Amino acid sequence: MTEQYCVVMTTFANPSVGKTIIDELINQRLAACVQVMPIQSYYHWQGEVNCDQEHQVMLKTKTALFEQVKATILQFHDYETPEVSNYRSPMD
């Protein structure tokens, strides 16, 4: 059976939080590659519309590692409800 892969996406606003998350994922070999892009996010939160400068993180990993990746992101993230999305590779 061949390995299945996925792309996991999250965001962060605080660069030191993002670096901690990325370092943990890379050092634990939970991610093969992490890409970071600046974005502007618009969203509803606690009854208000917000607009923030953030960084979007896309990381490549094995599908079997997703739960560990998610747990690591949640452990170090400073958002009350961080996004942790899993997109399976169309090649699988």
N, C-alpha and C. Protein backbone atom coordinates (compact mmCIF):
# COMPACT_ATOMS: atom_id res chain seq x y z
N MET A 1 0.84 -1.19 0.00
CA MET A 1 0.00 0.00 0.00
C MET A 1 0.88 1.25 0.00
N THR A 2 0.55 2.20 -0.84
CA THR A 2 1.33 3.43 -0.91
C THR A 2 0.88 4.40 0.17
N GLU A 3 1.79 5.27 0.56
CA GLU A 3 1.47 6.31 1.54
C GLU A 3 0.44 7.27 0.96
N GLN A 4 -0.43 7.78 1.81
CA GLN A 4 -1.35 8.84 1.42
C GLN A 4 -0.86 10.13 2.05
N TYR A 5 -1.01 11.22 1.30
CA TYR A 5 -0.50 12.51 1.74
C TYR A 5 -1.63 13.53 1.80
N CYS A 6 -1.41 14.58 2.56
CA CYS A 6 -2.38 15.65 2.65
C CYS A 6 -1.66 16.98 2.86
N VAL A 7 -2.41 18.03 2.64
CA VAL A 7 -1.96 19.39 2.93
C VAL A 7 -2.80 19.88 4.08
N VAL A 8 -2.16 20.40 5.10
CA VAL A 8 -2.86 20.93 6.27
C VAL A 8 -2.67 22.45 6.24
N MET A 9 -3.76 23.17 6.51
CA MET A 9 -3.70 24.62 6.47
C MET A 9 -4.10 25.19 7.83
N THR A 10 -3.38 26.23 8.24
CA THR A 10 -3.72 26.99 9.42
C THR A 10 -3.26 28.43 9.20
N THR A 11 -3.54 29.30 10.13
CA THR A 11 -3.08 30.68 10.06
C THR A 11 -2.53 31.09 11.43
N PHE A 12 -1.72 32.14 11.42
CA PHE A 12 -1.28 32.75 12.67
C PHE A 12 -1.04 34.23 12.43
N ALA A 13 -1.15 35.03 13.48
CA ALA A 13 -0.88 36.46 13.40
C ALA A 13 0.45 36.80 14.09
N ASN A 14 0.75 36.09 15.15
CA ASN A 14 1.97 36.36 15.93
C ASN A 14 3.13 35.55 15.34
N PRO A 15 4.15 36.22 14.79
CA PRO A 15 5.26 35.50 14.17
C PRO A 15 5.98 34.52 15.09
N SER A 16 6.10 34.84 16.38
CA SER A 16 6.80 33.92 17.28
C SER A 16 5.97 32.66 17.53
N VAL A 17 4.66 32.79 17.56
CA VAL A 17 3.79 31.62 17.70
C VAL A 17 3.92 30.76 16.44
N GLY A 18 3.88 31.40 15.29
CA GLY A 18 4.03 30.67 14.03
C GLY A 18 5.35 29.94 13.95
N LYS A 19 6.43 30.61 14.33
CA LYS A 19 7.75 29.97 14.30
C LYS A 19 7.81 28.78 15.24
N THR A 20 7.20 28.90 16.41
CA THR A 20 7.19 27.78 17.36
C THR A 20 6.45 26.59 16.77
N ILE A 21 5.28 26.83 16.19
CA ILE A 21 4.50 25.75 15.59
C ILE A 21 5.29 25.10 14.45
N ILE A 22 5.83 25.91 13.56
CA ILE A 22 6.59 25.39 12.42
C ILE A 22 7.80 24.60 12.89
N ASP A 23 8.55 25.15 13.84
CA ASP A 23 9.74 24.45 14.36
C ASP A 23 9.36 23.10 14.95
N GLU A 24 8.28 23.05 15.71
CA GLU A 24 7.84 21.79 16.31
C GLU A 24 7.47 20.76 15.24
N LEU A 25 6.73 21.20 14.24
CA LEU A 25 6.30 20.28 13.18
C LEU A 25 7.49 19.74 12.39
N ILE A 26 8.43 20.61 12.08
CA ILE A 26 9.61 20.18 11.33
C ILE A 26 10.53 19.31 12.19
N ASN A 27 10.80 19.75 13.42
CA ASN A 27 11.70 19.00 14.30
C ASN A 27 11.17 17.62 14.65
N GLN A 28 9.85 17.49 14.79
CA GLN A 28 9.24 16.19 15.09
C GLN A 28 9.01 15.37 13.81
N ARG A 29 9.39 15.91 12.67
CA ARG A 29 9.21 15.27 11.37
C ARG A 29 7.74 14.96 11.08
N LEU A 30 6.88 15.86 11.54
CA LEU A 30 5.45 15.74 11.26
C LEU A 30 5.09 16.42 9.95
N ALA A 31 5.96 17.26 9.44
CA ALA A 31 5.74 17.94 8.17
C ALA A 31 6.99 17.81 7.32
N ALA A 32 6.78 17.52 6.05
CA ALA A 32 7.91 17.44 5.12
C ALA A 32 8.29 18.82 4.62
N CYS A 33 7.31 19.70 4.52
CA CYS A 33 7.53 21.05 3.99
C CYS A 33 6.46 21.97 4.58
N VAL A 34 6.87 23.19 4.92
CA VAL A 34 5.93 24.19 5.42
C VAL A 34 6.11 25.45 4.59
N GLN A 35 5.01 25.97 4.06
CA GLN A 35 5.04 27.20 3.28
C GLN A 35 4.20 28.25 3.99
N VAL A 36 4.72 29.48 4.05
CA VAL A 36 4.06 30.56 4.78
C VAL A 36 3.88 31.75 3.84
N MET A 37 2.65 32.29 3.81
CA MET A 37 2.33 33.42 2.95
C MET A 37 1.58 34.49 3.74
N PRO A 38 1.90 35.76 3.55
CA PRO A 38 1.12 36.82 4.21
C PRO A 38 -0.26 36.94 3.56
N ILE A 39 -1.27 37.11 4.39
CA ILE A 39 -2.64 37.26 3.91
C ILE A 39 -3.36 38.31 4.75
N GLN A 40 -4.49 38.76 4.25
CA GLN A 40 -5.38 39.63 4.99
C GLN A 40 -6.68 38.86 5.18
N SER A 41 -7.11 38.68 6.41
CA SER A 41 -8.29 37.87 6.72
C SER A 41 -9.45 38.74 7.21
N TYR A 42 -10.62 38.48 6.66
CA TYR A 42 -11.86 39.13 7.08
C TYR A 42 -12.75 38.04 7.67
N TYR A 43 -13.34 38.32 8.85
CA TYR A 43 -14.15 37.28 9.49
C TYR A 43 -15.05 37.89 10.57
N HIS A 44 -16.09 37.14 10.90
CA HIS A 44 -16.96 37.49 12.04
C HIS A 44 -16.39 36.85 13.29
N TRP A 45 -16.28 37.62 14.36
CA TRP A 45 -15.84 37.06 15.64
C TRP A 45 -16.49 37.86 16.75
N GLN A 46 -17.21 37.16 17.62
CA GLN A 46 -17.89 37.73 18.78
C GLN A 46 -18.74 38.93 18.39
N GLY A 47 -19.54 38.76 17.31
CA GLY A 47 -20.51 39.76 16.90
C GLY A 47 -19.95 40.92 16.09
N GLU A 48 -18.68 40.88 15.75
CA GLU A 48 -18.07 41.96 14.98
C GLU A 48 -17.37 41.41 13.75
N VAL A 49 -17.29 42.26 12.73
CA VAL A 49 -16.49 41.93 11.55
C VAL A 49 -15.07 42.42 11.80
N ASN A 50 -14.12 41.55 11.60
CA ASN A 50 -12.71 41.86 11.84
C ASN A 50 -11.91 41.74 10.55
N CYS A 51 -10.81 42.45 10.51
CA CYS A 51 -9.86 42.37 9.40
C CYS A 51 -8.46 42.38 10.02
N ASP A 52 -7.71 41.31 9.79
CA ASP A 52 -6.38 41.19 10.39
C ASP A 52 -5.34 40.77 9.36
N GLN A 53 -4.13 41.20 9.59
CA GLN A 53 -2.98 40.70 8.83
C GLN A 53 -2.55 39.40 9.49
N GLU A 54 -2.49 38.34 8.71
CA GLU A 54 -2.09 37.04 9.22
C GLU A 54 -1.10 36.41 8.26
N HIS A 55 -0.66 35.23 8.63
CA HIS A 55 0.15 34.39 7.75
C HIS A 55 -0.59 33.07 7.58
N GLN A 56 -0.75 32.65 6.33
CA GLN A 56 -1.36 31.36 6.04
C GLN A 56 -0.25 30.33 5.94
N VAL A 57 -0.46 29.20 6.59
CA VAL A 57 0.53 28.13 6.62
C VAL A 57 -0.06 26.92 5.90
N MET A 58 0.67 26.43 4.91
CA MET A 58 0.31 25.18 4.25
C MET A 58 1.46 24.21 4.49
N LEU A 59 1.13 23.06 5.05
CA LEU A 59 2.17 22.09 5.31
C LEU A 59 1.82 20.76 4.68
N LYS A 60 2.85 20.11 4.19
CA LYS A 60 2.70 18.82 3.51
C LYS A 60 3.10 17.73 4.47
N THR A 61 2.23 16.72 4.58
CA THR A 61 2.48 15.64 5.53
C THR A 61 1.80 14.36 5.06
N LYS A 62 2.01 13.30 5.80
CA LYS A 62 1.31 12.04 5.55
C LYS A 62 -0.06 12.10 6.22
N THR A 63 -1.04 11.56 5.55
CA THR A 63 -2.40 11.55 6.10
C THR A 63 -2.42 10.89 7.48
N ALA A 64 -1.63 9.85 7.65
CA ALA A 64 -1.58 9.13 8.93
C ALA A 64 -1.07 10.01 10.08
N LEU A 65 -0.39 11.10 9.77
CA LEU A 65 0.16 11.98 10.80
C LEU A 65 -0.76 13.16 11.14
N PHE A 66 -1.90 13.26 10.44
CA PHE A 66 -2.75 14.44 10.61
C PHE A 66 -3.13 14.71 12.07
N GLU A 67 -3.54 13.72 12.81
CA GLU A 67 -3.98 13.95 14.20
C GLU A 67 -2.83 14.48 15.06
N GLN A 68 -1.61 14.01 14.82
CA GLN A 68 -0.45 14.52 15.56
C GLN A 68 -0.14 15.96 15.15
N VAL A 69 -0.27 16.25 13.86
CA VAL A 69 -0.07 17.61 13.36
C VAL A 69 -1.08 18.54 14.02
N LYS A 70 -2.34 18.14 13.99
CA LYS A 70 -3.41 18.95 14.58
C LYS A 70 -3.16 19.19 16.07
N ALA A 71 -2.80 18.15 16.79
CA ALA A 71 -2.54 18.28 18.24
C ALA A 71 -1.39 19.24 18.50
N THR A 72 -0.36 19.19 17.68
CA THR A 72 0.79 20.09 17.84
C THR A 72 0.40 21.54 17.58
N ILE A 73 -0.37 21.76 16.52
CA ILE A 73 -0.85 23.12 16.23
C ILE A 73 -1.68 23.65 17.39
N LEU A 74 -2.62 22.85 17.86
CA LEU A 74 -3.50 23.29 18.95
C LEU A 74 -2.72 23.52 20.25
N GLN A 75 -1.69 22.73 20.48
CA GLN A 75 -0.88 22.87 21.71
C GLN A 75 -0.18 24.23 21.78
N PHE A 76 0.31 24.71 20.65
CA PHE A 76 1.13 25.92 20.65
C PHE A 76 0.43 27.17 20.13
N HIS A 77 -0.76 27.01 19.56
CA HIS A 77 -1.44 28.16 18.95
C HIS A 77 -2.03 29.08 20.02
N ASP A 78 -2.05 30.38 19.72
CA ASP A 78 -2.60 31.34 20.69
C ASP A 78 -4.03 31.75 20.36
N TYR A 79 -4.60 31.28 19.25
CA TYR A 79 -6.00 31.59 18.94
C TYR A 79 -6.92 30.71 19.77
N GLU A 80 -8.07 31.26 20.13
CA GLU A 80 -9.08 30.47 20.85
C GLU A 80 -9.60 29.34 19.97
N THR A 81 -9.81 29.62 18.69
CA THR A 81 -10.31 28.62 17.75
C THR A 81 -9.47 28.68 16.46
N PRO A 82 -8.29 28.08 16.45
CA PRO A 82 -7.48 28.13 15.24
C PRO A 82 -8.03 27.22 14.14
N GLU A 83 -7.83 27.63 12.92
CA GLU A 83 -8.18 26.78 11.78
C GLU A 83 -7.14 25.68 11.65
N VAL A 84 -7.61 24.46 11.48
CA VAL A 84 -6.74 23.34 11.15
C VAL A 84 -7.51 22.51 10.13
N SER A 85 -7.22 22.75 8.85
CA SER A 85 -7.93 22.09 7.77
C SER A 85 -7.04 21.04 7.12
N ASN A 86 -7.65 19.94 6.70
CA ASN A 86 -6.95 18.83 6.10
C ASN A 86 -7.47 18.61 4.68
N TYR A 87 -6.57 18.69 3.69
CA TYR A 87 -6.93 18.49 2.30
C TYR A 87 -6.13 17.31 1.76
N ARG A 88 -6.82 16.27 1.37
CA ARG A 88 -6.15 15.08 0.85
C ARG A 88 -5.65 15.31 -0.56
N SER A 89 -4.54 14.74 -0.87
CA SER A 89 -3.96 14.88 -2.19
C SER A 89 -4.84 14.20 -3.25
N PRO A 90 -5.10 14.85 -4.38
CA PRO A 90 -5.89 14.21 -5.43
C PRO A 90 -5.14 13.06 -6.09
N MET A 91 -3.85 12.93 -5.82
CA MET A 91 -3.05 11.84 -6.39
C MET A 91 -3.27 10.53 -5.64
N ASP A 92 -3.86 10.58 -4.46
CA ASP A 92 -4.07 9.35 -3.66
C ASP A 92 -5.23 8.54 -4.20
